[in-house]
C-alpha cells in the first residue's frame, strides 16, 4: 500500500531483542483537512536507517504492508494487534504532492453528460 503525508514525528531506534530492532515515525495524513489523522508506522531491522535522511515536516510517500497478529494475554484473553510496517519512503517535490479529493468533489467532477454512451 502507499500513503502520502507529512512527517509529524520521528522516534529513536528501539532494540526490542538481540535480533530485532524497530524505528517508528508518525505521518500526518489529511484526506479531510478538517480532521487530519496521525498514523504511526515502523521500519524494522536494517530498514531503520531509512529515516536518517528525513525531518519532521517533510512531505513523503510511504510504501508499507499491514501486519496483524493474535496474542493471548495472561488472563487467557485473545488480543489482536495491527502494525503498519514501512519498507520504503521517498520525499515528495511540490509537483508530486497530491491533494486528497473529498467525496463531494469527486461527485461534482462528473455528470451524466460526461458518459461516453
Protein backbone atom coordinates (compact mmCIF):
# COMPACT_ATOMS: atom_id res chain seq x y z
CA UNK A 1 0.00 0.00 0.00
CA UNK A 2 1.06 3.61 -0.49
CA UNK A 3 0.16 6.72 1.50
CA UNK A 4 1.27 10.34 1.19
CA UNK A 5 1.51 12.81 4.04
CA UNK A 6 3.76 14.96 6.20
CA UNK A 7 6.16 13.58 8.80
CA UNK A 8 4.78 14.60 12.20
CA UNK A 9 7.31 12.87 14.47
CA UNK A 10 10.34 10.57 14.24
CA UNK A 11 11.44 8.36 17.15
CA UNK A 12 14.80 6.81 18.02
CA UNK A 13 15.58 3.21 17.10
CA UNK A 14 14.46 0.71 19.76
CA UNK A 15 16.37 -2.52 20.31
CA UNK A 16 13.50 -4.89 21.20
CA UNK A 17 15.54 -8.13 21.36
CA UNK A 18 19.11 -9.02 20.47
CA UNK A 19 17.91 -9.94 17.00
CA UNK A 20 15.14 -7.37 16.48
CA UNK A 21 15.02 -3.57 16.30
CA UNK A 22 12.46 -1.05 15.07
CA UNK A 23 12.14 2.67 14.48
CA UNK A 24 8.75 4.36 14.50
CA UNK A 25 7.50 7.56 12.92
CA UNK A 26 4.17 9.35 12.70
CA UNK A 27 2.67 10.57 9.44
CA UNK A 28 0.04 13.32 9.30
CA UNK A 29 -2.46 12.20 6.67
CA UNK A 30 -5.21 14.55 5.56
CA UNK A 31 -7.88 13.04 3.34
CA UNK A 32 -10.13 15.63 5.02
CA UNK A 33 -8.16 18.75 6.02
CA UNK A 34 -10.62 19.42 8.84
CA UNK A 35 -9.73 16.10 10.51
CA UNK A 36 -6.07 15.17 9.86
CA UNK A 37 -5.08 11.69 11.02
CA UNK A 38 -1.84 10.88 12.85
CA UNK A 39 -0.77 7.41 11.72
CA UNK A 40 2.14 5.52 13.27
CA UNK A 41 4.40 3.40 11.04
CA UNK A 42 7.54 1.44 11.77
CA UNK A 43 10.68 0.40 9.95
CA UNK A 44 12.36 -2.78 11.18
CA UNK A 45 15.87 -4.24 11.17
CA UNK A 46 18.20 -2.73 8.54
CA UNK A 47 15.34 -0.53 7.23
CA UNK A 48 15.54 1.59 10.43
CA UNK A 49 18.23 3.67 8.70
CA UNK A 50 15.71 4.69 6.01
CA UNK A 51 14.59 7.53 8.34
CA UNK A 52 18.06 9.09 8.64
CA UNK A 53 17.58 11.48 5.70
CA UNK A 54 14.14 12.72 6.78
CA UNK A 55 12.94 15.52 9.06
CA UNK A 56 9.69 16.47 10.74
CA UNK A 57 7.64 18.46 8.21
CA UNK A 58 8.90 16.62 5.10
CA UNK A 59 6.19 15.63 2.63
CA UNK A 60 6.67 11.95 1.85
CA UNK A 61 5.23 8.89 0.17
CA UNK A 62 5.35 5.74 2.31
CA UNK A 63 5.18 2.20 0.91
CA UNK A 64 4.02 -0.20 3.61
CA UNK A 65 2.41 -3.52 4.47
CA UNK A 66 -0.32 -4.12 7.04
CA UNK A 67 0.63 -6.76 9.58
CA UNK A 68 -1.66 -8.29 12.22
CA UNK A 69 -1.28 -10.90 14.89
CA UNK A 70 -3.08 -12.58 17.74
CA UNK A 71 -1.74 -12.77 21.30
CA UNK A 72 -3.19 -14.49 24.35
CA UNK A 73 -2.69 -12.36 27.48
CA UNK A 74 -2.03 -13.81 30.97
CA UNK A 75 -5.81 -13.86 31.67
CA UNK A 76 -6.28 -16.17 28.68
CA UNK A 77 -7.99 -13.47 26.58
CA UNK A 78 -7.13 -13.17 22.92
CA UNK A 79 -5.92 -9.73 21.88
CA UNK A 80 -5.24 -8.55 18.32
CA UNK A 81 -2.56 -6.12 17.14
CA UNK A 82 -2.07 -4.32 13.85
CA UNK A 83 1.20 -2.83 12.60
CA UNK A 84 1.89 -0.64 9.59
CA UNK A 85 5.32 -1.82 8.51
CA UNK A 86 7.01 0.61 6.14
CA UNK A 87 9.57 -0.73 3.68
CA UNK A 88 10.29 2.36 1.55
CA UNK A 89 9.84 6.11 1.87
CA UNK A 90 10.54 8.93 -0.59
CA UNK A 91 10.50 12.72 -0.21
CA UNK A 92 8.00 14.41 -2.49
CA UNK A 93 8.63 17.50 -4.55
CA UNK A 94 5.96 20.22 -4.67
CA UNK A 95 4.70 18.91 -8.02
CA UNK A 96 4.30 15.36 -6.64
CA UNK A 97 2.16 16.29 -3.63
CA UNK A 98 -1.39 15.16 -4.29
CA UNK A 99 -4.24 16.97 -2.60
CA UNK A 100 -6.78 14.39 -1.45
CA UNK A 101 -10.17 14.77 -3.10
CA UNK A 102 -13.24 14.67 -0.92
CA UNK A 103 -16.30 12.61 -1.90
CA UNK A 104 -18.27 15.74 -2.78
CA UNK A 105 -15.52 16.98 -5.08
CA UNK A 106 -15.43 13.60 -6.83
CA UNK A 107 -19.18 13.68 -7.42
CA UNK A 108 -19.03 17.18 -8.88
CA UNK A 109 -16.27 16.31 -11.34
CA UNK A 110 -18.53 14.12 -13.48
CA UNK A 111 -22.06 14.49 -14.73
CA UNK A 112 -24.24 12.07 -16.68
CA UNK A 113 -23.39 14.12 -19.80
CA UNK A 114 -19.75 13.01 -19.41
CA UNK A 115 -20.57 9.36 -20.06
CA UNK A 116 -19.40 8.04 -23.45
CA UNK A 117 -22.64 6.17 -24.21
